[in-house]
Amino acid sequence: MIDAAAVIETERLRLERWDDRHTDLLVRLASTPAVMRFIGTGDPWPPLLAEDVARAERRHWEDHGFGWRAAIDKETGRGIGLVSLNYAGEGTAGLDPGEREIGWWLEPPAWGRGLGSEGAAALRDEAFQLEMPSIIARIQPPNSASIGVAKALGMEFDFETTGRSGERLVVYRMVRPR
C-alpha cells in the first residue's frame, strides 16, 4: 500500500488528508450549483449523498494510502475546496478503472486565483513521487477553466468519451516523467 503524506503545503494552500472534519466541506461544495454544473449530471447533490461520498473517500485513504485532500486557504484557515487523487473507477467508456485520476473542486470565491492549478500541481507531483505511471483528468468539454488547469499541469488531450451519467467527457493525460 502507498503511504502518502497526511498534509501537503503549497504557497497558499494546506492540503489535508480527507477525514471526518471535511464532510461539511463536501456537503457545502456539492450543494452549490455553480460548483456542480460540470460534475456528472450537473445537479447539486443532496446532503446524504455528499456524506456517503465523504465516507467512501475516507475509506479510499484507508484502503490505498492516498486520496482526496481538503484544500484549506492558509491565510484564512477556511476550507475552500478539494483536490483529489484517486482511482477512476467504473463507468467511463474506454477508461481503465485502475487509472489514477486527479481532480479539483473549488468554491466560486476561490475561482480565477490559480488555486486549482496550485493544488492540482501538488497532487500531480505527489502522484509521480509515489511512482504512479500516469494521471488522467475527466472534464466536461464546456468546462474551459478545468481544461486550462489540466493543460497548465502539463496534461494533454487523450480522447473523448461518455461518463457514468451519460455526459460527454474529454480525458486529459500525463505520463510520469522519467
Protein backbone atom coordinates (compact mmCIF):
# COMPACT_ATOMS: atom_id res chain seq x y z
CA MET A 1 0.00 0.00 0.00
CA ILE A 2 1.09 3.56 -0.74
CA ASP A 3 1.57 5.86 2.25
CA ALA A 4 1.14 9.47 1.14
CA ALA A 5 1.87 12.42 3.44
CA ALA A 6 -1.05 13.48 5.64
CA VAL A 7 -0.55 17.16 4.71
CA ILE A 8 0.95 18.87 1.69
CA GLU A 9 1.70 22.59 1.93
CA THR A 10 1.81 24.86 -1.11
CA GLU A 11 2.38 28.61 -1.14
CA ARG A 12 -1.28 29.38 -0.34
CA LEU A 13 -2.89 26.04 0.47
CA ARG A 14 -2.78 23.39 3.14
CA LEU A 15 -3.91 20.12 1.52
CA GLU A 16 -5.14 17.82 4.28
CA ARG A 17 -5.83 14.11 4.07
CA TRP A 18 -9.61 13.66 3.74
CA ASP A 19 -11.21 12.78 7.10
CA ASP A 20 -14.38 13.30 9.16
CA ARG A 21 -13.64 17.02 9.62
CA HIS A 22 -14.11 17.58 5.89
CA THR A 23 -17.60 16.12 5.43
CA ASP A 24 -19.28 19.51 5.91
CA LEU A 25 -16.96 21.00 3.27
CA LEU A 26 -18.13 18.41 0.72
CA VAL A 27 -21.78 18.92 1.67
CA ARG A 28 -21.32 22.67 1.10
CA LEU A 29 -19.47 22.28 -2.21
CA ALA A 30 -21.84 19.61 -3.54
CA SER A 31 -24.91 21.73 -2.77
CA THR A 32 -23.53 24.70 -4.75
CA PRO A 33 -24.97 24.71 -8.30
CA ALA A 34 -22.01 26.60 -9.77
CA VAL A 35 -19.57 24.01 -8.39
CA MET A 36 -21.63 21.04 -9.58
CA ARG A 37 -22.57 22.26 -13.07
CA PHE A 38 -19.74 20.23 -14.68
CA ILE A 39 -19.86 17.21 -12.31
CA GLY A 40 -21.88 14.21 -13.54
CA THR A 41 -25.41 15.31 -14.42
CA GLY A 42 -24.67 18.89 -13.34
CA ASP A 43 -27.16 18.72 -10.47
CA PRO A 44 -26.28 19.57 -6.87
CA TRP A 45 -26.13 16.57 -4.54
CA PRO A 46 -28.42 16.12 -1.57
CA PRO A 47 -26.57 16.18 1.77
CA LEU A 48 -26.93 12.41 2.34
CA LEU A 49 -25.22 11.65 -0.99
CA ALA A 50 -22.36 14.03 -0.18
CA GLU A 51 -21.98 12.39 3.25
CA ASP A 52 -21.86 8.93 1.60
CA VAL A 53 -19.19 10.12 -0.86
CA ALA A 54 -17.18 11.67 2.00
CA ARG A 55 -17.26 8.31 3.82
CA ALA A 56 -16.19 6.47 0.67
CA GLU A 57 -13.26 8.86 0.21
CA ARG A 58 -12.14 8.28 3.81
CA ARG A 59 -12.22 4.53 3.08
CA HIS A 60 -10.19 5.12 -0.10
CA TRP A 61 -7.40 6.58 2.06
CA GLU A 62 -7.59 3.65 4.48
CA ASP A 63 -7.51 1.10 1.66
CA HIS A 64 -4.97 2.72 -0.67
CA GLY A 65 -2.90 5.26 1.32
CA PHE A 66 -3.77 8.23 -0.93
CA GLY A 67 -6.92 10.07 -1.99
CA TRP A 68 -8.88 13.28 -1.72
CA ARG A 69 -7.49 16.26 0.16
CA ALA A 70 -9.33 19.21 1.66
CA ALA A 71 -7.95 22.48 0.29
CA ILE A 72 -7.56 24.92 3.18
CA ASP A 73 -6.71 28.56 2.48
CA LYS A 74 -3.61 29.16 4.63
CA GLU A 75 -4.40 32.87 5.05
CA THR A 76 -7.94 32.37 6.41
CA GLY A 77 -7.92 28.76 7.64
CA ARG A 78 -11.14 28.19 5.68
CA GLY A 79 -11.85 25.09 3.61
CA ILE A 80 -12.28 26.38 0.05
CA GLY A 81 -12.42 23.14 -1.91
CA LEU A 82 -10.80 19.81 -2.52
CA VAL A 83 -8.20 18.32 -4.77
CA SER A 84 -8.29 14.63 -5.48
CA LEU A 85 -6.05 11.79 -6.47
CA ASN A 86 -7.89 8.51 -6.68
CA TYR A 87 -8.74 5.55 -8.89
CA ALA A 88 -11.01 6.46 -11.81
CA GLY A 89 -13.35 3.57 -11.05
CA GLU A 90 -16.01 2.01 -13.25
CA GLY A 91 -18.33 3.74 -15.64
CA THR A 92 -16.32 5.78 -18.15
CA ALA A 93 -16.21 4.24 -21.62
CA GLY A 94 -12.67 3.45 -22.78
CA LEU A 95 -11.05 4.19 -19.41
CA ASP A 96 -9.45 1.50 -17.26
CA PRO A 97 -10.95 1.70 -13.73
CA GLY A 98 -7.42 1.42 -12.30
CA GLU A 99 -6.26 4.68 -13.88
CA ARG A 100 -5.27 7.36 -11.36
CA GLU A 101 -7.40 10.46 -11.68
CA ILE A 102 -6.64 13.96 -10.49
CA GLY A 103 -9.41 16.48 -9.90
CA TRP A 104 -10.27 19.78 -8.24
CA TRP A 105 -13.40 21.43 -6.89
CA LEU A 106 -13.28 24.97 -5.53
CA GLU A 107 -15.97 27.24 -4.17
CA PRO A 108 -16.75 30.17 -6.52
CA PRO A 109 -15.00 32.89 -4.44
CA ALA A 110 -11.74 30.92 -4.93
CA TRP A 111 -12.05 30.80 -8.72
CA GLY A 112 -9.72 32.71 -11.00
CA ARG A 113 -6.85 32.95 -8.49
CA GLY A 114 -4.76 29.98 -9.65
CA LEU A 115 -5.63 27.92 -6.57
CA GLY A 116 -6.95 24.97 -8.59
CA SER A 117 -3.71 24.81 -10.56
CA GLU A 118 -1.64 25.21 -7.38
CA GLY A 119 -3.40 22.39 -5.54
CA ALA A 120 -3.57 20.10 -8.57
CA ALA A 121 0.15 20.62 -9.29
CA ALA A 122 0.94 19.44 -5.76
CA LEU A 123 -1.10 16.27 -6.30
CA ARG A 124 0.42 15.71 -9.75
CA ASP A 125 3.84 15.86 -8.11
CA GLU A 126 2.68 13.53 -5.32
CA ALA A 127 1.34 11.01 -7.86
CA PHE A 128 4.67 10.85 -9.64
CA GLN A 129 6.67 10.74 -6.39
CA LEU A 130 4.50 7.72 -5.48
CA GLU A 131 5.56 6.25 -8.85
CA MET A 132 2.10 6.23 -10.40
CA PRO A 133 2.65 5.64 -14.13
CA SER A 134 0.27 8.36 -15.32
CA ILE A 135 -2.60 10.58 -14.26
CA ILE A 136 -5.80 11.46 -16.07
CA ALA A 137 -8.47 14.13 -15.68
CA ARG A 138 -12.05 13.70 -16.90
CA ILE A 139 -13.54 17.04 -17.87
CA GLN A 140 -16.82 18.07 -19.49
CA PRO A 141 -15.88 19.96 -22.70
CA PRO A 142 -17.66 23.25 -21.80
CA ASN A 143 -15.54 23.48 -18.61
CA SER A 144 -12.81 25.62 -20.16
CA ALA A 145 -11.39 26.61 -16.75
CA SER A 146 -10.67 22.96 -15.84
CA ILE A 147 -9.25 22.27 -19.29
CA GLY A 148 -6.94 25.23 -18.65
CA VAL A 149 -5.85 23.71 -15.31
CA ALA A 150 -5.17 20.34 -16.98
CA LYS A 151 -3.04 21.99 -19.66
CA ALA A 152 -1.19 24.09 -17.06
CA LEU A 153 -0.28 20.84 -15.29
CA GLY A 154 1.28 19.53 -18.50
CA MET A 155 -1.59 17.17 -19.33
CA GLU A 156 -2.57 16.61 -22.96
CA PHE A 157 -5.86 15.68 -24.61
CA ASP A 158 -6.13 11.89 -24.93
CA PHE A 159 -9.67 11.06 -26.09
CA GLU A 160 -13.36 11.95 -25.89
CA THR A 161 -15.81 9.60 -24.20
CA THR A 162 -19.00 9.29 -22.17
CA GLY A 163 -19.16 9.36 -18.36
CA ARG A 164 -21.20 7.44 -15.79
CA SER A 165 -24.21 9.73 -16.17
CA GLY A 166 -24.09 9.82 -19.97
CA GLU A 167 -22.28 13.17 -20.01
CA ARG A 168 -19.71 13.99 -22.71
CA LEU A 169 -16.17 13.99 -21.36
CA VAL A 170 -12.69 14.72 -22.62
CA VAL A 171 -9.85 12.81 -20.99
CA TYR A 172 -6.54 14.58 -20.45
CA ARG A 173 -3.45 12.54 -19.56
CA MET A 174 0.10 12.98 -18.35
CA VAL A 175 2.65 10.18 -18.22
CA ARG A 176 5.15 10.20 -15.35
CA PRO A 177 8.39 11.83 -16.48
CA ARG A 178 11.41 9.53 -16.47
